[in-house]
Amino acid sequence: MTLSADLRAFEGRIGHRFTRPELLRQAVTHGSVATPGRTDNQRLEFLGDRVLGLVMAEALLAADPEATEGQLAPRFNALVRKETCAEVAREVGLGDVLKLGRSEMISGGRRKMALLGDGMEAVIAAVYLDAGHAAARDLVLRLWGARIGRVEADARDAKTALQEWAQARRMPPPAYAEVAREGPDHAPRFTIEARLADGRAARAEAGSKRQAEQAAAQALLAELEETRQP
């Protein structure tokens, strides 16, 4: 069975022509539309996450032979996290070809970070099963290439950096509290406050609690840098 025109166009955007088109169809099929004759992409997502991790680990080791494990780990996490997968998915238009149930369609599923991230991992697995590790590696390096090159040598997520700042000063870990939630269920906006034990705090807003926590931590780190208080 041949692929539809939209999936053929998607093949062009990711740079891989499938010899087993059923793998791509499975990779873009969400559980909300799965049937006994149509398998969803959850198993492929599981495999794709591991393939992505291996490719990124190899790429980071090759890019910086002198880096320690402590330096490599945060770079790795920044490149394989769900948010990054979703960013790549948006760039190649994966949301346009996802097969979703009516409820997911209505709730904006084509724009949801989790669905896009999962779908991108499933596509990686589909390429791996279709053509092997080399093809999957080439796909990942092609789509992630610029990100790999610019990931900071000491990249750490803001929450980790803020916790380390507090620990170095013998303070308890920062606390995070949801202070507001606005918007409809399919597109919520969360306001999170990051607070240190000494009372210093900062707030930030984002479309998910995780993103808002990271943004709040980053805002508080920026304030600490400005004041340079011990």
Protein backbone atom coordinates (compact mmCIF):
# COMPACT_ATOMS: atom_id res chain seq x y z
CA MET A 1 0.00 0.00 0.00
CA THR A 2 1.37 3.38 -1.00
CA LEU A 3 1.52 6.41 1.25
CA SER A 4 -0.87 9.33 0.99
CA ALA A 5 0.32 12.56 -0.59
CA ASP A 6 0.77 14.28 2.77
CA LEU A 7 2.96 11.46 4.08
CA ARG A 8 4.99 11.48 0.87
CA ALA A 9 5.57 15.18 1.39
CA PHE A 10 6.57 14.48 4.99
CA GLU A 11 9.13 11.92 3.76
CA GLY A 12 10.67 14.70 1.72
CA ARG A 13 10.83 17.01 4.72
CA ILE A 14 12.67 14.47 6.88
CA GLY A 15 14.83 13.21 4.02
CA HIS A 16 13.96 9.51 4.16
CA ARG A 17 11.94 7.45 1.68
CA PHE A 18 10.43 4.39 3.36
CA THR A 19 10.67 0.97 1.78
CA ARG A 20 8.14 -0.21 4.40
CA PRO A 21 5.53 2.57 4.37
CA GLU A 22 3.47 0.86 7.05
CA LEU A 23 6.13 1.87 9.57
CA LEU A 24 5.59 5.55 8.85
CA ARG A 25 1.82 5.16 9.03
CA GLN A 26 2.20 3.53 12.44
CA ALA A 27 4.60 6.24 13.62
CA VAL A 28 2.03 8.99 12.99
CA THR A 29 -0.93 7.10 14.47
CA HIS A 30 -1.90 8.27 17.94
CA GLY A 31 -3.60 5.96 20.42
CA SER A 32 -6.81 8.01 20.18
CA VAL A 33 -7.43 6.67 16.69
CA ALA A 34 -5.94 3.18 16.98
CA THR A 35 -8.10 0.16 16.10
CA PRO A 36 -7.46 -3.61 16.00
CA GLY A 37 -6.31 -3.13 12.42
CA ARG A 38 -4.41 0.11 13.03
CA THR A 39 -1.56 -0.03 15.55
CA ASP A 40 -0.64 3.16 17.38
CA ASN A 41 2.86 4.59 17.77
CA GLN A 42 3.52 3.85 21.45
CA ARG A 43 5.87 0.92 20.89
CA LEU A 44 7.76 2.86 18.24
CA GLU A 45 8.03 5.80 20.64
CA PHE A 46 9.66 3.50 23.22
CA LEU A 47 12.23 2.32 20.70
CA GLY A 48 12.81 5.75 19.19
CA ASP A 49 13.65 7.24 22.56
CA ARG A 50 16.48 4.70 22.91
CA VAL A 51 17.74 5.18 19.36
CA LEU A 52 17.78 8.96 19.84
CA GLY A 53 19.69 8.55 23.09
CA LEU A 54 22.34 6.37 21.51
CA VAL A 55 22.82 8.70 18.55
CA MET A 56 23.12 11.73 20.81
CA ALA A 57 25.55 10.01 23.16
CA GLU A 58 27.77 9.07 20.21
CA ALA A 59 27.55 12.57 18.74
CA LEU A 60 28.43 14.31 21.99
CA LEU A 61 31.39 12.03 22.67
CA ALA A 62 32.72 12.65 19.17
CA ALA A 63 32.17 16.41 19.40
CA ASP A 64 34.14 16.83 22.63
CA PRO A 65 36.62 14.02 23.39
CA GLU A 66 37.79 15.82 26.56
CA ALA A 67 34.37 16.32 28.16
CA THR A 68 33.65 14.61 31.46
CA GLU A 69 30.50 12.66 32.19
CA GLY A 70 29.34 15.55 34.34
CA GLN A 71 29.66 17.90 31.37
CA LEU A 72 28.12 15.51 28.86
CA ALA A 73 25.02 14.58 30.85
CA PRO A 74 23.32 18.01 30.84
CA ARG A 75 24.08 18.48 27.14
CA PHE A 76 22.56 15.07 26.47
CA ASN A 77 19.46 15.88 28.51
CA ALA A 78 18.97 19.18 26.69
CA LEU A 79 19.05 17.44 23.30
CA VAL A 80 16.81 14.43 24.00
CA ARG A 81 14.16 15.99 26.24
CA LYS A 82 10.56 15.98 25.04
CA GLU A 83 10.53 19.73 24.45
CA THR A 84 13.42 19.47 21.98
CA CYS A 85 11.79 16.54 20.17
CA ALA A 86 8.62 18.61 19.85
CA GLU A 87 10.56 21.57 18.46
CA VAL A 88 12.06 19.36 15.77
CA ALA A 89 8.63 17.87 15.06
CA ARG A 90 7.21 21.36 14.49
CA GLU A 91 10.05 22.23 12.13
CA VAL A 92 9.32 19.24 9.88
CA GLY A 93 5.54 19.64 10.08
CA LEU A 94 4.86 16.38 11.90
CA GLY A 95 1.70 17.80 13.46
CA ASP A 96 0.15 18.16 10.01
CA VAL A 97 0.31 14.41 9.38
CA LEU A 98 -0.50 12.99 12.82
CA LYS A 99 -3.53 10.70 12.81
CA LEU A 100 -5.64 11.71 15.80
CA GLY A 101 -9.03 10.88 17.23
CA ARG A 102 -11.77 13.49 17.25
CA SER A 103 -11.27 14.43 20.90
CA GLU A 104 -7.55 15.05 20.39
CA MET A 105 -8.25 17.03 17.24
CA ILE A 106 -10.69 19.28 19.08
CA SER A 107 -8.30 19.81 22.00
CA GLY A 108 -5.48 20.94 19.71
CA GLY A 109 -3.53 17.69 19.65
CA ARG A 110 -1.50 18.68 16.60
CA ARG A 111 0.15 21.40 18.70
CA LYS A 112 0.62 19.51 21.96
CA MET A 113 4.23 19.13 23.05
CA ALA A 114 3.78 15.58 24.37
CA LEU A 115 2.11 14.30 21.20
CA LEU A 116 4.66 15.95 18.94
CA GLY A 117 7.60 14.73 21.01
CA ASP A 118 6.27 11.19 21.16
CA GLY A 119 5.55 11.24 17.44
CA MET A 120 9.06 12.42 16.61
CA GLU A 121 10.55 9.57 18.63
CA ALA A 122 8.24 7.15 16.81
CA VAL A 123 9.40 8.47 13.44
CA ILE A 124 13.03 7.90 14.46
CA ALA A 125 12.18 4.30 15.36
CA ALA A 126 10.34 3.83 12.08
CA VAL A 127 13.41 4.93 10.14
CA TYR A 128 15.59 2.65 12.29
CA LEU A 129 13.39 -0.38 11.57
CA ASP A 130 13.06 0.55 7.91
CA ALA A 131 16.74 1.09 7.11
CA GLY A 132 18.92 0.44 10.16
CA HIS A 133 20.98 2.40 12.64
CA ALA A 134 23.00 4.35 10.06
CA ALA A 135 19.85 5.77 8.46
CA ALA A 136 18.35 6.66 11.84
CA ARG A 137 21.62 8.29 12.90
CA ASP A 138 21.75 10.33 9.70
CA LEU A 139 18.14 11.43 10.23
CA VAL A 140 18.77 12.56 13.82
CA LEU A 141 22.02 14.36 13.01
CA ARG A 142 20.37 16.08 10.07
CA LEU A 143 17.33 17.27 12.02
CA TRP A 144 19.14 18.05 15.28
CA GLY A 145 22.41 19.19 13.68
CA ALA A 146 22.38 22.88 14.60
CA ARG A 147 21.29 22.10 18.14
CA ILE A 148 24.15 19.68 18.68
CA GLY A 149 26.62 22.30 17.55
CA ARG A 150 25.36 25.05 19.80
CA VAL A 151 24.52 23.14 22.99
CA GLU A 152 26.43 24.91 25.75
CA ALA A 153 29.51 23.23 27.11
CA ASP A 154 28.22 23.59 30.64
CA ALA A 155 24.56 23.35 29.76
CA ARG A 156 22.37 22.67 32.76
CA ASP A 157 18.65 23.10 33.12
CA ALA A 158 17.73 26.10 35.25
CA LYS A 159 16.15 24.09 38.06
CA THR A 160 19.31 22.04 38.51
CA ALA A 161 21.47 25.15 38.43
CA LEU A 162 19.29 26.90 41.02
CA GLN A 163 19.34 23.85 43.30
CA GLU A 164 23.12 23.66 43.06
CA TRP A 165 23.32 27.39 43.87
CA ALA A 166 21.25 26.82 47.01
CA GLN A 167 23.18 23.72 48.07
CA ALA A 168 26.49 25.56 47.74
CA ARG A 169 25.17 28.02 50.32
CA ARG A 170 23.83 25.32 52.65
CA MET A 171 20.25 26.22 51.84
CA PRO A 172 17.34 23.80 51.32
CA PRO A 173 16.30 23.09 47.71
CA PRO A 174 14.14 25.76 46.06
CA ALA A 175 10.37 25.39 46.33
CA TYR A 176 8.00 25.70 43.36
CA ALA A 177 4.36 26.70 43.72
CA GLU A 178 1.59 27.12 41.17
CA VAL A 179 0.12 30.57 41.78
CA ALA A 180 -2.22 30.81 38.79
CA ARG A 181 -3.68 28.84 35.91
CA GLU A 182 -5.53 30.48 33.05
CA GLY A 183 -6.88 29.57 29.63
CA PRO A 184 -8.91 26.61 28.33
CA ASP A 185 -8.02 23.02 29.14
CA HIS A 186 -6.48 22.44 25.71
CA ALA A 187 -4.22 25.51 25.98
CA PRO A 188 -3.58 26.31 29.66
CA ARG A 189 -1.11 28.89 30.94
CA PHE A 190 0.58 28.24 34.27
CA THR A 191 2.24 30.80 36.52
CA ILE A 192 4.84 29.26 38.81
CA GLU A 193 6.84 30.86 41.59
CA ALA A 194 10.34 29.65 42.44
CA ARG A 195 11.31 30.56 46.02
CA LEU A 196 14.46 30.18 48.07
CA ALA A 197 14.45 29.58 51.81
CA ASP A 198 15.64 33.16 52.42
CA GLY A 199 12.53 34.54 50.72
CA ARG A 200 13.97 35.53 47.36
CA ALA A 201 11.59 34.48 44.60
CA ALA A 202 10.65 34.92 40.96
CA ARG A 203 7.64 34.03 38.83
CA ALA A 204 7.20 32.94 35.23
CA GLU A 205 4.40 31.83 32.93
CA ALA A 206 4.37 29.03 30.34
CA GLY A 207 2.13 26.49 28.66
CA SER A 208 3.13 23.63 30.96
CA LYS A 209 4.08 23.41 34.62
CA ARG A 210 7.50 22.02 33.75
CA GLN A 211 8.28 24.86 31.37
CA ALA A 212 7.00 27.44 33.84
CA GLU A 213 9.14 25.97 36.64
CA GLN A 214 12.21 26.12 34.43
CA ALA A 215 11.42 29.69 33.41
CA ALA A 216 10.85 30.74 37.03
CA ALA A 217 14.15 29.15 38.07
CA GLN A 218 15.91 30.95 35.21
CA ALA A 219 14.33 34.25 36.23
CA LEU A 220 15.46 33.79 39.83
CA LEU A 221 18.97 32.87 38.72
CA ALA A 222 19.07 36.04 36.63
CA GLU A 223 18.05 38.12 39.66
CA LEU A 224 20.70 36.46 41.81
CA GLU A 225 23.32 37.22 39.17
CA GLU A 226 22.26 40.85 39.01
CA THR A 227 22.38 41.36 42.77
CA ARG A 228 25.39 39.08 43.25
CA GLN A 229 24.31 38.43 46.79
CA PRO A 230 26.13 35.54 48.53
